[in-house]
């Protein structure tokens, strides 16, 4: 699958600092293994390509179902179709965690502290 097929990803990337932080957490300094900037950049390109591949497949699945929104179910079907079925449990867990976090944020926004307000 080429960049041209998806409309090109020359302008797509991931934050280098975030990727570096993830890699650093996976490879603790105690291992003595370091990760070069070139390796980090290649990893970012691979991640962008993976995201593009999965989202394109999920889009095709959603279109076949006459849906206008790609749902989590479309992502898991895409992963399975592309041979990445082993990732599905982790994806579902991440989706559930995200949903829980969003619920907490929504509750915080909905219930501001009223004790500091005055009627005047």
N, C-alpha and C. Protein backbone atom coordinates (compact mmCIF):
# COMPACT_ATOMS: atom_id res chain seq x y z
N UNK A 1 0.85 -1.17 0.00
CA UNK A 1 0.00 0.00 0.00
C UNK A 1 0.89 1.24 0.00
N UNK A 2 0.71 2.08 -0.95
CA UNK A 2 1.57 3.25 -1.08
C UNK A 2 0.88 4.49 -0.54
N UNK A 3 1.69 5.54 -0.29
CA UNK A 3 1.14 6.82 0.15
C UNK A 3 0.17 7.36 -0.88
N UNK A 4 0.48 7.16 -2.16
CA UNK A 4 -0.35 7.67 -3.24
C UNK A 4 -1.77 7.09 -3.16
N UNK A 5 -1.86 5.83 -2.78
CA UNK A 5 -3.15 5.17 -2.71
C UNK A 5 -4.07 5.83 -1.69
N UNK A 6 -3.50 6.38 -0.62
CA UNK A 6 -4.29 7.02 0.43
C UNK A 6 -4.31 8.52 0.30
N UNK A 7 -3.78 9.06 -0.77
CA UNK A 7 -3.76 10.50 -0.95
C UNK A 7 -2.50 11.15 -0.40
N UNK A 8 -1.55 10.35 0.03
CA UNK A 8 -0.26 10.87 0.50
C UNK A 8 -0.27 11.21 1.96
N UNK A 9 0.80 10.84 2.68
CA UNK A 9 0.89 11.22 4.08
C UNK A 9 2.13 12.04 4.34
N UNK A 10 2.58 12.81 3.39
CA UNK A 10 3.76 13.64 3.61
C UNK A 10 3.57 14.60 4.78
N UNK A 11 2.35 15.08 4.96
CA UNK A 11 2.10 16.06 6.02
C UNK A 11 1.59 15.41 7.30
N UNK A 12 1.49 14.09 7.34
CA UNK A 12 1.01 13.40 8.52
C UNK A 12 2.18 12.91 9.35
N UNK A 13 2.07 13.04 10.66
CA UNK A 13 3.12 12.57 11.55
C UNK A 13 2.55 12.41 12.94
N UNK A 14 3.39 11.94 13.84
CA UNK A 14 3.06 11.86 15.26
C UNK A 14 4.07 12.71 16.01
N UNK A 15 3.71 13.22 17.16
CA UNK A 15 4.65 14.05 17.92
C UNK A 15 5.89 13.24 18.31
N UNK A 16 7.06 13.75 17.88
CA UNK A 16 8.30 13.04 18.15
C UNK A 16 8.55 12.85 19.64
N UNK A 17 8.26 13.87 20.43
CA UNK A 17 8.49 13.79 21.87
C UNK A 17 7.62 12.70 22.51
N UNK A 18 6.39 12.58 22.05
CA UNK A 18 5.48 11.57 22.60
C UNK A 18 5.98 10.17 22.25
N UNK A 19 6.37 9.98 21.00
CA UNK A 19 6.89 8.67 20.58
C UNK A 19 8.16 8.35 21.35
N UNK A 20 9.03 9.33 21.52
CA UNK A 20 10.27 9.12 22.26
C UNK A 20 9.97 8.73 23.71
N UNK A 21 8.96 9.36 24.32
CA UNK A 21 8.59 9.05 25.69
C UNK A 21 8.08 7.61 25.80
N UNK A 22 7.26 7.20 24.85
CA UNK A 22 6.73 5.83 24.84
C UNK A 22 7.88 4.83 24.72
N UNK A 23 8.78 5.09 23.80
CA UNK A 23 9.92 4.20 23.59
C UNK A 23 10.80 4.16 24.83
N UNK A 24 11.03 5.30 25.45
CA UNK A 24 11.87 5.37 26.65
C UNK A 24 11.24 4.57 27.78
N UNK A 25 9.92 4.61 27.91
CA UNK A 25 9.24 3.84 28.95
C UNK A 25 9.35 2.34 28.69
N UNK A 26 9.36 1.96 27.41
CA UNK A 26 9.47 0.54 27.06
C UNK A 26 10.90 0.05 27.24
N UNK A 27 11.87 0.90 26.90
CA UNK A 27 13.29 0.55 27.01
C UNK A 27 13.92 1.34 28.16
N UNK A 28 13.76 0.88 29.39
CA UNK A 28 14.33 1.63 30.50
C UNK A 28 15.85 1.72 30.40
N UNK A 29 16.39 2.77 30.98
CA UNK A 29 17.83 3.00 30.88
C UNK A 29 18.65 1.85 31.46
N UNK A 30 18.07 1.08 32.38
CA UNK A 30 18.79 -0.03 32.99
C UNK A 30 19.15 -1.13 31.99
N UNK A 31 18.46 -1.16 30.83
CA UNK A 31 18.76 -2.18 29.83
C UNK A 31 20.02 -1.85 29.04
N UNK A 32 20.41 -0.56 29.05
CA UNK A 32 21.57 -0.14 28.28
C UNK A 32 21.30 -0.02 26.79
N UNK A 33 20.05 -0.17 26.39
CA UNK A 33 19.67 -0.06 24.99
C UNK A 33 19.17 1.35 24.72
N UNK A 34 19.67 1.95 23.65
CA UNK A 34 19.19 3.28 23.29
C UNK A 34 18.46 3.21 21.96
N UNK A 35 17.73 4.25 21.65
CA UNK A 35 16.91 4.31 20.44
C UNK A 35 17.33 5.55 19.67
N UNK A 36 17.89 5.37 18.49
CA UNK A 36 18.39 6.51 17.72
C UNK A 36 17.24 7.36 17.18
N UNK A 37 17.55 8.61 16.86
CA UNK A 37 16.55 9.51 16.28
C UNK A 37 16.06 8.96 14.95
N UNK A 38 16.97 8.37 14.19
CA UNK A 38 16.58 7.78 12.90
C UNK A 38 15.60 6.63 13.10
N UNK A 39 15.86 5.80 14.10
CA UNK A 39 14.95 4.69 14.39
C UNK A 39 13.59 5.21 14.83
N UNK A 40 13.60 6.27 15.65
CA UNK A 40 12.35 6.88 16.10
C UNK A 40 11.55 7.40 14.90
N UNK A 41 12.24 8.06 13.96
CA UNK A 41 11.56 8.61 12.79
C UNK A 41 10.98 7.50 11.91
N UNK A 42 11.69 6.39 11.79
CA UNK A 42 11.19 5.24 11.02
C UNK A 42 9.97 4.66 11.73
N UNK A 43 10.04 4.56 13.05
CA UNK A 43 8.91 4.05 13.83
C UNK A 43 7.68 4.94 13.62
N UNK A 44 7.88 6.24 13.63
CA UNK A 44 6.77 7.17 13.40
C UNK A 44 6.16 6.94 12.02
N UNK A 45 7.00 6.79 11.01
CA UNK A 45 6.49 6.53 9.66
C UNK A 45 5.69 5.23 9.61
N UNK A 46 6.17 4.20 10.31
CA UNK A 46 5.46 2.92 10.36
C UNK A 46 4.10 3.08 11.04
N UNK A 47 4.08 3.84 12.14
CA UNK A 47 2.83 4.07 12.87
C UNK A 47 1.81 4.81 12.00
N UNK A 48 2.26 5.82 11.30
CA UNK A 48 1.37 6.58 10.42
C UNK A 48 0.83 5.67 9.33
N UNK A 49 1.68 4.84 8.76
CA UNK A 49 1.24 3.91 7.71
C UNK A 49 0.23 2.92 8.27
N UNK A 50 0.47 2.41 9.48
CA UNK A 50 -0.45 1.46 10.12
C UNK A 50 -1.80 2.11 10.37
N UNK A 51 -1.79 3.32 10.90
CA UNK A 51 -3.04 4.05 11.15
C UNK A 51 -3.80 4.29 9.85
N UNK A 52 -3.07 4.65 8.82
CA UNK A 52 -3.69 4.89 7.51
C UNK A 52 -4.32 3.61 6.96
N UNK A 53 -3.59 2.51 7.08
CA UNK A 53 -4.07 1.23 6.58
C UNK A 53 -5.34 0.79 7.31
N UNK A 54 -5.30 0.85 8.64
CA UNK A 54 -6.45 0.41 9.43
C UNK A 54 -7.65 1.34 9.22
N UNK A 55 -7.42 2.64 9.20
CA UNK A 55 -8.55 3.56 9.03
C UNK A 55 -9.16 3.45 7.64
N UNK A 56 -8.34 3.19 6.64
CA UNK A 56 -8.85 3.00 5.28
C UNK A 56 -9.73 1.75 5.20
N UNK A 57 -9.26 0.67 5.81
CA UNK A 57 -10.04 -0.57 5.82
C UNK A 57 -11.33 -0.38 6.62
N UNK A 58 -11.24 0.30 7.76
CA UNK A 58 -12.42 0.56 8.57
C UNK A 58 -13.43 1.43 7.82
N UNK A 59 -12.92 2.38 7.04
CA UNK A 59 -13.80 3.22 6.22
C UNK A 59 -14.54 2.37 5.19
N UNK A 60 -13.83 1.45 4.54
CA UNK A 60 -14.49 0.58 3.57
C UNK A 60 -15.58 -0.26 4.23
N UNK A 61 -15.29 -0.77 5.42
CA UNK A 61 -16.27 -1.58 6.15
C UNK A 61 -17.49 -0.74 6.51
N UNK A 62 -17.27 0.48 6.99
CA UNK A 62 -18.39 1.33 7.37
C UNK A 62 -19.23 1.72 6.15
N UNK A 63 -18.57 1.95 5.01
CA UNK A 63 -19.31 2.28 3.79
C UNK A 63 -20.16 1.10 3.33
N UNK A 64 -19.64 -0.12 3.45
CA UNK A 64 -20.41 -1.31 3.07
C UNK A 64 -21.65 -1.46 3.95
N UNK A 65 -21.54 -0.98 5.20
CA UNK A 65 -22.67 -1.04 6.13
C UNK A 65 -23.54 0.22 6.04
N UNK A 66 -23.24 1.07 5.07
CA UNK A 66 -23.98 2.33 4.85
C UNK A 66 -23.95 3.23 6.08
N UNK A 67 -22.81 3.23 6.78
CA UNK A 67 -22.63 4.10 7.94
C UNK A 67 -21.79 5.29 7.54
N UNK A 68 -22.06 6.43 8.16
CA UNK A 68 -21.30 7.64 7.88
C UNK A 68 -20.24 7.91 8.93
N UNK A 69 -20.25 7.12 10.00
CA UNK A 69 -19.28 7.28 11.07
C UNK A 69 -18.56 5.96 11.30
N UNK A 70 -17.25 6.02 11.36
CA UNK A 70 -16.47 4.82 11.67
C UNK A 70 -16.55 4.60 13.17
N UNK A 71 -17.00 3.42 13.55
CA UNK A 71 -17.16 3.07 14.97
C UNK A 71 -16.04 2.11 15.38
N UNK A 72 -15.94 1.89 16.68
CA UNK A 72 -14.94 0.98 17.23
C UNK A 72 -15.08 -0.41 16.59
N UNK A 73 -16.29 -0.82 16.37
CA UNK A 73 -16.56 -2.12 15.74
C UNK A 73 -15.93 -2.20 14.35
N UNK A 74 -15.95 -1.10 13.61
CA UNK A 74 -15.33 -1.08 12.29
C UNK A 74 -13.81 -1.22 12.39
N UNK A 75 -13.24 -0.61 13.42
CA UNK A 75 -11.80 -0.72 13.64
C UNK A 75 -11.42 -2.16 13.95
N UNK A 76 -12.18 -2.80 14.84
CA UNK A 76 -11.85 -4.18 15.19
C UNK A 76 -12.04 -5.12 14.00
N UNK A 77 -13.06 -4.88 13.21
CA UNK A 77 -13.25 -5.70 12.00
C UNK A 77 -12.10 -5.48 11.02
N UNK A 78 -11.65 -4.24 10.90
CA UNK A 78 -10.53 -3.92 10.01
C UNK A 78 -9.27 -4.62 10.48
N UNK A 79 -9.00 -4.56 11.78
CA UNK A 79 -7.82 -5.24 12.33
C UNK A 79 -7.87 -6.73 12.03
N UNK A 80 -9.05 -7.33 12.20
CA UNK A 80 -9.20 -8.76 11.93
C UNK A 80 -8.99 -9.05 10.44
N UNK A 81 -9.59 -8.25 9.59
CA UNK A 81 -9.47 -8.43 8.14
C UNK A 81 -8.02 -8.33 7.69
N UNK A 82 -7.28 -7.41 8.29
CA UNK A 82 -5.89 -7.17 7.90
C UNK A 82 -4.90 -8.13 8.56
N UNK A 83 -5.41 -9.04 9.39
CA UNK A 83 -4.54 -10.02 10.03
C UNK A 83 -3.95 -9.56 11.36
N UNK A 84 -4.56 -8.55 11.96
CA UNK A 84 -4.08 -8.04 13.24
C UNK A 84 -5.08 -8.35 14.36
N UNK A 85 -5.73 -9.49 14.26
CA UNK A 85 -6.74 -9.88 15.24
C UNK A 85 -6.21 -9.97 16.66
N UNK A 86 -4.91 -10.24 16.81
CA UNK A 86 -4.32 -10.33 18.15
C UNK A 86 -4.38 -8.99 18.89
N UNK A 87 -4.51 -7.90 18.16
CA UNK A 87 -4.56 -6.58 18.78
C UNK A 87 -5.95 -6.23 19.32
N UNK A 88 -6.95 -6.94 18.91
CA UNK A 88 -8.34 -6.57 19.23
C UNK A 88 -8.59 -6.48 20.74
N UNK A 89 -8.17 -7.44 21.56
CA UNK A 89 -8.43 -7.29 23.00
C UNK A 89 -7.82 -6.01 23.59
N UNK A 90 -6.61 -5.67 23.18
CA UNK A 90 -5.96 -4.45 23.68
C UNK A 90 -6.71 -3.21 23.19
N UNK A 91 -7.19 -3.24 21.96
CA UNK A 91 -7.94 -2.11 21.40
C UNK A 91 -9.25 -1.93 22.17
N UNK A 92 -9.95 -3.03 22.44
CA UNK A 92 -11.20 -2.94 23.18
C UNK A 92 -10.98 -2.44 24.60
N UNK A 93 -9.88 -2.87 25.21
CA UNK A 93 -9.56 -2.39 26.56
C UNK A 93 -9.25 -0.89 26.54
N UNK A 94 -8.47 -0.45 25.55
CA UNK A 94 -8.14 0.97 25.43
C UNK A 94 -9.40 1.79 25.17
N UNK A 95 -10.30 1.27 24.34
CA UNK A 95 -11.55 1.98 24.05
C UNK A 95 -12.41 2.10 25.31
N UNK A 96 -12.46 1.04 26.11
CA UNK A 96 -13.24 1.07 27.35
C UNK A 96 -12.63 2.07 28.34
N UNK A 97 -11.31 2.08 28.44
CA UNK A 97 -10.64 3.04 29.32
C UNK A 97 -10.90 4.48 28.88
N UNK A 98 -10.85 4.70 27.58
CA UNK A 98 -11.11 6.04 27.04
C UNK A 98 -12.54 6.47 27.34
N UNK A 99 -13.47 5.55 27.16
CA UNK A 99 -14.87 5.85 27.42
C UNK A 99 -15.07 6.21 28.89
N UNK A 100 -14.42 5.46 29.79
CA UNK A 100 -14.51 5.75 31.22
C UNK A 100 -13.94 7.13 31.54
N UNK A 101 -12.80 7.46 30.95
CA UNK A 101 -12.18 8.77 31.18
C UNK A 101 -13.08 9.88 30.68
N UNK A 102 -13.69 9.69 29.52
CA UNK A 102 -14.58 10.71 28.98
C UNK A 102 -15.80 10.89 29.87
N UNK A 103 -16.30 9.80 30.45
CA UNK A 103 -17.44 9.86 31.35
C UNK A 103 -17.09 10.68 32.60
N UNK A 104 -15.91 10.46 33.15
CA UNK A 104 -15.46 11.20 34.33
C UNK A 104 -15.34 12.69 34.00
N UNK A 105 -14.72 13.00 32.86
CA UNK A 105 -14.57 14.40 32.44
C UNK A 105 -15.93 15.06 32.26
N UNK A 106 -16.85 14.35 31.64
CA UNK A 106 -18.19 14.88 31.41
C UNK A 106 -18.89 15.16 32.73
N UNK A 107 -18.73 14.27 33.70
CA UNK A 107 -19.35 14.48 35.02
C UNK A 107 -18.73 15.66 35.74
N UNK A 108 -17.44 15.87 35.60
CA UNK A 108 -16.78 17.01 36.23
C UNK A 108 -17.29 18.31 35.64
N UNK A 109 -17.44 18.34 34.33
CA UNK A 109 -17.92 19.54 33.64
C UNK A 109 -19.37 19.83 34.00
N UNK A 110 -20.17 18.80 34.14
CA UNK A 110 -21.59 18.96 34.44
C UNK A 110 -21.86 19.41 35.87
N UNK A 111 -20.99 19.06 36.80
CA UNK A 111 -21.27 19.38 38.21
C UNK A 111 -20.21 20.32 38.78
N UNK A 112 -20.27 21.60 38.38
CA UNK A 112 -19.33 22.58 38.95
C UNK A 112 -19.67 22.85 40.41
N UNK A 113 -18.70 23.31 41.15
CA UNK A 113 -18.94 23.62 42.56
C UNK A 113 -19.86 24.83 42.66
N UNK A 114 -20.89 24.66 43.42
CA UNK A 114 -21.86 25.75 43.55
C UNK A 114 -21.66 26.54 44.86
N UNK A 115 -20.87 26.03 45.75
CA UNK A 115 -20.67 26.69 47.04
C UNK A 115 -20.02 28.05 46.93
N UNK A 116 -19.26 28.32 45.91
CA UNK A 116 -18.55 29.59 45.78
C UNK A 116 -19.37 30.63 45.02
N UNK A 117 -20.54 30.26 44.52
CA UNK A 117 -21.35 31.21 43.76
C UNK A 117 -22.24 32.01 44.72
N UNK A 118 -22.47 33.24 44.38
CA UNK A 118 -23.36 34.08 45.19
C UNK A 118 -24.52 34.54 44.33
N UNK A 119 -25.63 34.74 44.97
CA UNK A 119 -26.80 35.27 44.26
C UNK A 119 -26.84 36.78 44.50
N UNK A 120 -26.52 37.52 43.49
CA UNK A 120 -26.47 38.94 43.76
C UNK A 120 -26.93 39.72 42.66
